Amino acid sequence: MEKTSVATSRTKIAMHISLVTIVINALLAAGKLAAGIIGHSAAMISDAIHSASDVFATFIVMAGVKMSGKKADGDHQYGHERLECAASIVLAAILALTGVAIGWSGAEKIISGNTDEIAIPTALPLAAAVISIVVKEAMYWYTRHYAKKLDSDALMADAWHHRSDALSSIGSFAGILGARMGYPVLDPLASIVISLMIIAAAVSIFKGSLDRMVDRSCSQEEYDAIYEAIASTGGVEHIDLLRTRLFGSRLYVDTEVSARDDLTLVQSHAIAEDIHRRIEKKFPDVKHCMVHINPISEEIHDF
């Protein structure tokens, strides 16, 4: 019951953050697109496309968090947590495609060689870039805070999406400012720099999500803390085996410990239950801890 209420609360918080993100990104995208068109800035239009992609990406995050929070069923007896990783991978793909499209658009203008014909941006897109930098950086820290609190891959991916948008707006600002100072080629060049930043963020998100899809173990610090918690449990003579694996945003722990040979089945079971409860209570991200008791007389120790 407690685990279910935590999962429900986690989903509600993630949904609220995602809705806030959608509203802000939609307003920013519309504002930057208008500023880019009216102010003759290709960089700002590229930046607006990036913000618009954020809106679509956040819907994917919401879907991933919602589906990952579903209870286990007959066909998915270990739950649905990995669907959040799948959502992050889709998000990374969208980011990468957006980056490539923006970069290609900027490169075409430079390759054409008609840089003198590029319209000089007005001050409007310059102001829009400053507003975007401030808002998107604030959204990055806001989303990152809750991504860490909820240990959510999808929310962390969305946080980096905000950061990549802030960085792209910095690139827009530099390109627009340079174009207004007499170097019009800097405006499309800024689009290319923006695209590289977006692609780099996509690769980082993809790598992190893939790690959680292939049963990667937890960090060494968390492993050591789990080991210490098991070793300090009453009745444990030796830890024979300890393995961990990430399952989406949750963690599974499998351990084998040695206990005295003269213990009854009931006493051995009590030790296993104590370890089980202690690990799941002390480490909130642990979804399940499987414990096996070995007789201390058997030479099966792996450590």
Protein backbone atom coordinates (compact mmCIF):
# COMPACT_ATOMS: atom_id res chain seq x y z
CA MET A 1 0.00 0.00 0.00
CA GLU A 2 2.81 2.41 0.93
CA LYS A 3 4.71 1.67 -2.30
CA THR A 4 1.51 2.26 -4.33
CA SER A 5 0.84 5.65 -2.68
CA VAL A 6 4.44 6.72 -3.32
CA ALA A 7 4.11 5.77 -7.00
CA THR A 8 0.82 7.70 -7.25
CA SER A 9 2.34 10.79 -5.61
CA ARG A 10 5.36 10.53 -7.90
CA THR A 11 3.12 10.46 -10.97
CA LYS A 12 1.05 13.44 -9.78
CA ILE A 13 4.15 15.59 -9.18
CA ALA A 14 5.60 14.64 -12.58
CA MET A 15 2.29 15.45 -14.32
CA HIS A 16 2.11 18.87 -12.64
CA ILE A 17 5.68 19.74 -13.67
CA SER A 18 4.98 18.57 -17.23
CA LEU A 19 1.85 20.74 -17.50
CA VAL A 20 3.78 23.79 -16.30
CA THR A 21 6.46 22.99 -18.89
CA ILE A 22 3.93 22.69 -21.72
CA VAL A 23 2.34 26.08 -20.98
CA ILE A 24 5.68 27.90 -20.72
CA ASN A 25 7.15 26.26 -23.83
CA ALA A 26 4.04 26.97 -25.90
CA LEU A 27 4.16 30.67 -24.94
CA LEU A 28 7.90 30.86 -25.59
CA ALA A 29 7.65 29.10 -28.95
CA ALA A 30 4.90 31.46 -30.13
CA GLY A 31 6.77 34.53 -28.89
CA LYS A 32 10.12 33.52 -30.41
CA LEU A 33 8.54 32.57 -33.73
CA ALA A 34 6.82 35.96 -33.97
CA ALA A 35 10.05 37.74 -32.97
CA GLY A 36 12.05 35.73 -35.52
CA ILE A 37 9.68 36.42 -38.40
CA ILE A 38 9.07 40.09 -37.61
CA GLY A 39 12.73 40.68 -36.67
CA HIS A 40 14.20 38.78 -39.69
CA SER A 41 16.25 36.28 -37.65
CA ALA A 42 16.81 32.70 -38.85
CA ALA A 43 18.50 31.87 -35.54
CA MET A 44 15.43 32.96 -33.56
CA ILE A 45 13.11 31.00 -35.84
CA SER A 46 15.32 27.92 -35.26
CA ASP A 47 15.14 28.59 -31.54
CA ALA A 48 11.34 28.78 -31.77
CA ILE A 49 11.23 25.40 -33.54
CA HIS A 50 13.32 23.98 -30.71
CA SER A 51 10.86 25.32 -28.12
CA ALA A 52 7.94 23.92 -30.12
CA SER A 53 9.61 20.50 -30.11
CA ASP A 54 9.80 20.81 -26.32
CA VAL A 55 6.01 20.87 -26.13
CA PHE A 56 5.73 17.62 -28.09
CA ALA A 57 8.59 16.12 -26.08
CA THR A 58 6.88 16.91 -22.78
CA PHE A 59 3.77 15.04 -23.91
CA ILE A 60 6.05 12.03 -24.44
CA VAL A 61 7.50 12.49 -20.94
CA MET A 62 3.98 12.61 -19.48
CA ALA A 63 3.00 9.44 -21.33
CA GLY A 64 6.17 7.67 -20.17
CA VAL A 65 5.76 8.63 -16.51
CA LYS A 66 2.06 7.74 -16.58
CA MET A 67 2.63 4.31 -18.13
CA SER A 68 5.61 3.51 -15.91
CA GLY A 69 3.46 4.16 -12.84
CA LYS A 70 0.94 1.46 -13.79
CA LYS A 71 0.62 -1.47 -11.39
CA ALA A 72 2.10 -4.86 -12.27
CA ASP A 73 -0.30 -7.19 -14.07
CA GLY A 74 -0.40 -10.73 -15.38
CA ASP A 75 1.55 -9.86 -18.53
CA HIS A 76 3.99 -7.49 -16.80
CA GLN A 77 4.62 -9.04 -13.40
CA TYR A 78 7.66 -6.84 -12.67
CA GLY A 79 5.80 -3.61 -13.41
CA HIS A 80 6.14 -1.04 -16.20
CA GLU A 81 9.04 1.15 -15.03
CA ARG A 82 11.08 0.60 -18.20
CA LEU A 83 8.44 2.43 -20.24
CA GLU A 84 9.87 5.64 -18.77
CA CYS A 85 13.24 4.75 -20.29
CA ALA A 86 11.53 4.06 -23.61
CA ALA A 87 9.94 7.53 -23.45
CA SER A 88 13.37 9.08 -22.79
CA ILE A 89 14.84 7.29 -25.81
CA VAL A 90 12.01 8.58 -28.03
CA LEU A 91 12.64 12.05 -26.61
CA ALA A 92 16.36 11.75 -27.43
CA ALA A 93 15.48 10.78 -31.01
CA ILE A 94 13.21 13.83 -31.37
CA LEU A 95 15.94 16.08 -30.01
CA ALA A 96 18.50 14.64 -32.42
CA LEU A 97 16.21 15.05 -35.46
CA THR A 98 15.38 18.61 -34.40
CA GLY A 99 19.10 19.38 -34.10
CA VAL A 100 19.87 17.95 -37.53
CA ALA A 101 17.02 19.91 -39.17
CA ILE A 102 18.09 23.20 -37.57
CA GLY A 103 21.75 22.63 -38.48
CA TRP A 104 20.91 21.76 -42.07
CA SER A 105 18.82 24.92 -42.47
CA GLY A 106 21.71 27.11 -41.24
CA ALA A 107 24.31 25.27 -43.32
CA GLU A 108 22.27 25.72 -46.52
CA LYS A 109 22.29 29.50 -46.11
CA ILE A 110 26.06 29.58 -45.56
CA ILE A 111 26.85 27.12 -48.38
CA SER A 112 24.75 29.15 -50.83
CA GLY A 113 27.32 31.94 -50.43
CA ASN A 114 24.69 34.70 -50.48
CA THR A 115 25.47 35.90 -46.98
CA ASP A 116 25.22 39.54 -48.05
CA GLU A 117 21.56 38.99 -48.90
CA ILE A 118 20.74 37.76 -45.38
CA ALA A 119 18.44 40.28 -43.68
CA ILE A 120 19.88 42.02 -40.64
CA PRO A 121 17.85 41.10 -37.52
CA THR A 122 16.14 43.85 -35.54
CA ALA A 123 16.39 44.33 -31.76
CA LEU A 124 13.16 42.36 -31.20
CA PRO A 125 14.65 38.85 -31.59
CA LEU A 126 17.62 39.98 -29.47
CA ALA A 127 15.24 40.80 -26.59
CA ALA A 128 13.38 37.52 -27.15
CA ALA A 129 16.65 35.61 -26.83
CA VAL A 130 17.41 37.22 -23.45
CA ILE A 131 13.93 36.39 -22.12
CA SER A 132 14.26 32.81 -23.37
CA ILE A 133 17.65 32.32 -21.71
CA VAL A 134 16.35 33.44 -18.31
CA VAL A 135 13.09 31.47 -18.46
CA LYS A 136 14.58 28.23 -19.83
CA GLU A 137 17.47 28.18 -17.36
CA ALA A 138 14.97 28.65 -14.52
CA MET A 139 12.89 25.77 -15.94
CA TYR A 140 16.01 23.60 -16.13
CA TRP A 141 16.72 23.98 -12.40
CA TYR A 142 13.04 23.61 -11.48
CA THR A 143 12.62 20.35 -13.46
CA ARG A 144 16.06 19.03 -12.45
CA HIS A 145 15.17 19.44 -8.76
CA TYR A 146 12.10 17.24 -9.08
CA ALA A 147 13.80 14.79 -11.46
CA LYS A 148 16.39 14.10 -8.75
CA LYS A 149 13.75 13.99 -6.03
CA LEU A 150 11.65 11.47 -7.97
CA ASP A 151 14.65 9.72 -9.59
CA SER A 152 12.92 10.14 -12.95
CA ASP A 153 14.85 9.55 -16.18
CA ALA A 154 12.12 11.13 -18.28
CA LEU A 155 11.96 14.30 -16.15
CA MET A 156 15.76 14.57 -16.17
CA ALA A 157 15.68 14.27 -19.96
CA ASP A 158 13.10 17.06 -20.02
CA ALA A 159 15.31 19.16 -17.71
CA TRP A 160 18.20 18.82 -20.14
CA HIS A 161 15.80 19.74 -22.92
CA HIS A 162 15.24 23.03 -21.06
CA ARG A 163 19.01 23.50 -20.66
CA SER A 164 19.62 22.81 -24.37
CA ASP A 165 16.95 25.41 -25.18
CA ALA A 166 18.69 27.94 -22.91
CA LEU A 167 21.99 27.20 -24.63
CA SER A 168 20.40 27.52 -28.05
CA SER A 169 19.01 30.91 -27.03
CA ILE A 170 22.53 31.97 -26.01
CA GLY A 171 23.66 30.93 -29.49
CA SER A 172 20.77 32.90 -30.98
CA PHE A 173 21.71 35.96 -28.96
CA ALA A 174 25.34 35.81 -30.10
CA GLY A 175 24.36 35.26 -33.74
CA ILE A 176 21.77 38.02 -33.78
CA LEU A 177 24.11 40.45 -32.01
CA GLY A 178 26.91 39.63 -34.47
CA ALA A 179 24.58 40.08 -37.44
CA ARG A 180 23.48 43.48 -36.13
CA MET A 181 27.14 44.47 -35.77
CA GLY A 182 27.72 43.88 -39.49
CA TYR A 183 28.36 40.11 -39.75
CA PRO A 184 25.09 38.64 -41.12
CA VAL A 185 26.65 35.19 -41.59
CA LEU A 186 26.71 34.81 -37.79
CA ASP A 187 22.92 34.46 -37.68
CA PRO A 188 22.76 31.16 -39.68
CA LEU A 189 26.06 30.12 -38.06
CA ALA A 190 24.33 30.41 -34.69
CA SER A 191 21.72 27.94 -35.98
CA ILE A 192 24.46 25.38 -36.62
CA VAL A 193 25.94 25.88 -33.13
CA ILE A 194 22.45 25.45 -31.67
CA SER A 195 21.99 22.21 -33.60
CA LEU A 196 25.25 20.75 -32.25
CA MET A 197 24.21 21.56 -28.67
CA ILE A 198 20.84 19.88 -29.20
CA ILE A 199 22.42 16.75 -30.70
CA ALA A 200 24.92 16.52 -27.81
CA ALA A 201 22.04 16.68 -25.31
CA ALA A 202 20.20 13.95 -27.25
CA VAL A 203 23.22 11.63 -27.11
CA SER A 204 23.58 12.17 -23.35
CA ILE A 205 19.88 11.42 -22.74
CA PHE A 206 20.01 8.31 -24.95
CA LYS A 207 23.07 6.92 -23.16
CA GLY A 208 21.54 7.41 -19.70
CA SER A 209 18.26 5.77 -20.70
CA LEU A 210 20.04 2.85 -22.35
CA ASP A 211 21.97 2.14 -19.15
CA ARG A 212 18.69 1.69 -17.30
CA MET A 213 17.30 -0.55 -20.04
CA VAL A 214 20.14 -3.09 -19.88
CA ASP A 215 20.13 -3.85 -16.12
CA ARG A 216 23.10 -1.70 -15.23
CA SER A 217 24.08 -1.92 -11.55
CA CYS A 218 23.61 0.98 -9.14
CA SER A 219 26.39 3.43 -8.26
CA GLN A 220 29.33 2.22 -6.16
CA GLU A 221 28.26 4.54 -3.30
CA GLU A 222 24.77 3.06 -3.16
CA TYR A 223 26.16 -0.47 -3.52
CA ASP A 224 28.45 0.09 -0.54
CA ALA A 225 25.57 1.48 1.54
CA ILE A 226 23.38 -1.54 0.73
CA TYR A 227 26.26 -3.90 1.52
CA GLU A 228 26.79 -2.24 4.89
CA ALA A 229 23.07 -2.38 5.73
CA ILE A 230 22.97 -6.13 5.01
CA ALA A 231 26.24 -6.87 6.84
CA SER A 232 24.97 -5.10 9.98
CA THR A 233 21.75 -7.13 10.11
CA GLY A 234 21.55 -9.46 13.12
CA GLY A 235 22.26 -13.11 12.29
CA VAL A 236 24.24 -12.41 9.10
CA GLU A 237 27.64 -14.11 9.34
CA HIS A 238 28.84 -13.36 5.83
CA ILE A 239 27.60 -11.81 2.59
CA ASP A 240 28.15 -14.40 -0.13
CA LEU A 241 26.63 -12.48 -3.03
CA LEU A 242 25.20 -9.03 -3.70
CA ARG A 243 23.88 -7.93 -7.07
CA THR A 244 21.86 -4.86 -8.07
CA ARG A 245 20.14 -3.90 -11.30
CA LEU A 246 18.38 -0.75 -12.41
CA PHE A 247 14.87 -1.32 -13.74
CA GLY A 248 13.72 1.98 -15.16
CA SER A 249 13.78 4.41 -12.24
CA ARG A 250 13.74 1.61 -9.63
CA LEU A 251 16.34 -0.80 -8.27
CA TYR A 252 16.28 -4.56 -7.67
CA VAL A 253 18.60 -6.16 -5.11
CA ASP A 254 19.54 -9.86 -4.99
CA THR A 255 21.68 -11.13 -2.13
CA GLU A 256 22.87 -14.39 -0.58
CA VAL A 257 24.08 -14.40 3.02
CA SER A 258 25.47 -17.05 5.34
CA ALA A 259 23.96 -17.83 8.75
CA ARG A 260 24.78 -20.37 11.47
CA ASP A 261 24.07 -24.01 10.63
CA ASP A 262 22.11 -24.65 13.83
CA LEU A 263 19.37 -22.09 13.12
CA THR A 264 15.85 -23.37 12.55
CA LEU A 265 13.98 -22.65 9.31
CA VAL A 266 11.88 -20.08 11.15
CA GLN A 267 14.98 -18.29 12.50
CA SER A 268 16.64 -18.24 9.05
CA HIS A 269 13.44 -16.90 7.53
CA ALA A 270 13.33 -14.13 10.15
CA ILE A 271 16.85 -13.02 9.15
CA ALA A 272 15.86 -12.93 5.47
CA GLU A 273 12.73 -10.90 6.26
CA ASP A 274 14.74 -8.48 8.38
CA ILE A 275 17.18 -7.86 5.50
CA HIS A 276 14.29 -7.52 3.05
CA ARG A 277 12.42 -4.93 5.13
CA ARG A 278 15.56 -3.02 6.09
CA ILE A 279 16.75 -2.57 2.49
CA GLU A 280 13.35 -1.58 1.07
CA LYS A 281 12.76 0.89 3.93
CA LYS A 282 16.22 2.47 3.96
CA PHE A 283 16.52 2.76 0.16
CA PRO A 284 13.26 4.17 -1.32
CA ASP A 285 14.35 3.49 -4.92
CA VAL A 286 14.63 -0.26 -4.20
CA LYS A 287 11.50 -1.92 -5.57
CA HIS A 288 12.31 -5.41 -4.28
CA CYS A 289 15.06 -7.18 -2.34
CA MET A 290 15.43 -10.94 -2.82
CA VAL A 291 17.31 -12.76 -0.02
CA HIS A 292 18.69 -16.31 0.09
CA ILE A 293 20.18 -17.84 3.27
CA ASN A 294 23.15 -20.25 3.02
CA PRO A 295 24.64 -22.39 5.84
CA ILE A 296 27.93 -20.89 7.01
CA SER A 297 29.67 -24.29 6.75
CA GLU A 298 29.43 -24.35 2.94
CA GLU A 299 32.42 -22.87 1.10
CA ILE A 300 30.48 -20.82 -1.42
CA HIS A 301 31.64 -17.32 -0.56
CA ASP A 302 32.33 -15.04 -3.53
CA PHE A 303 34.00 -12.25 -1.47
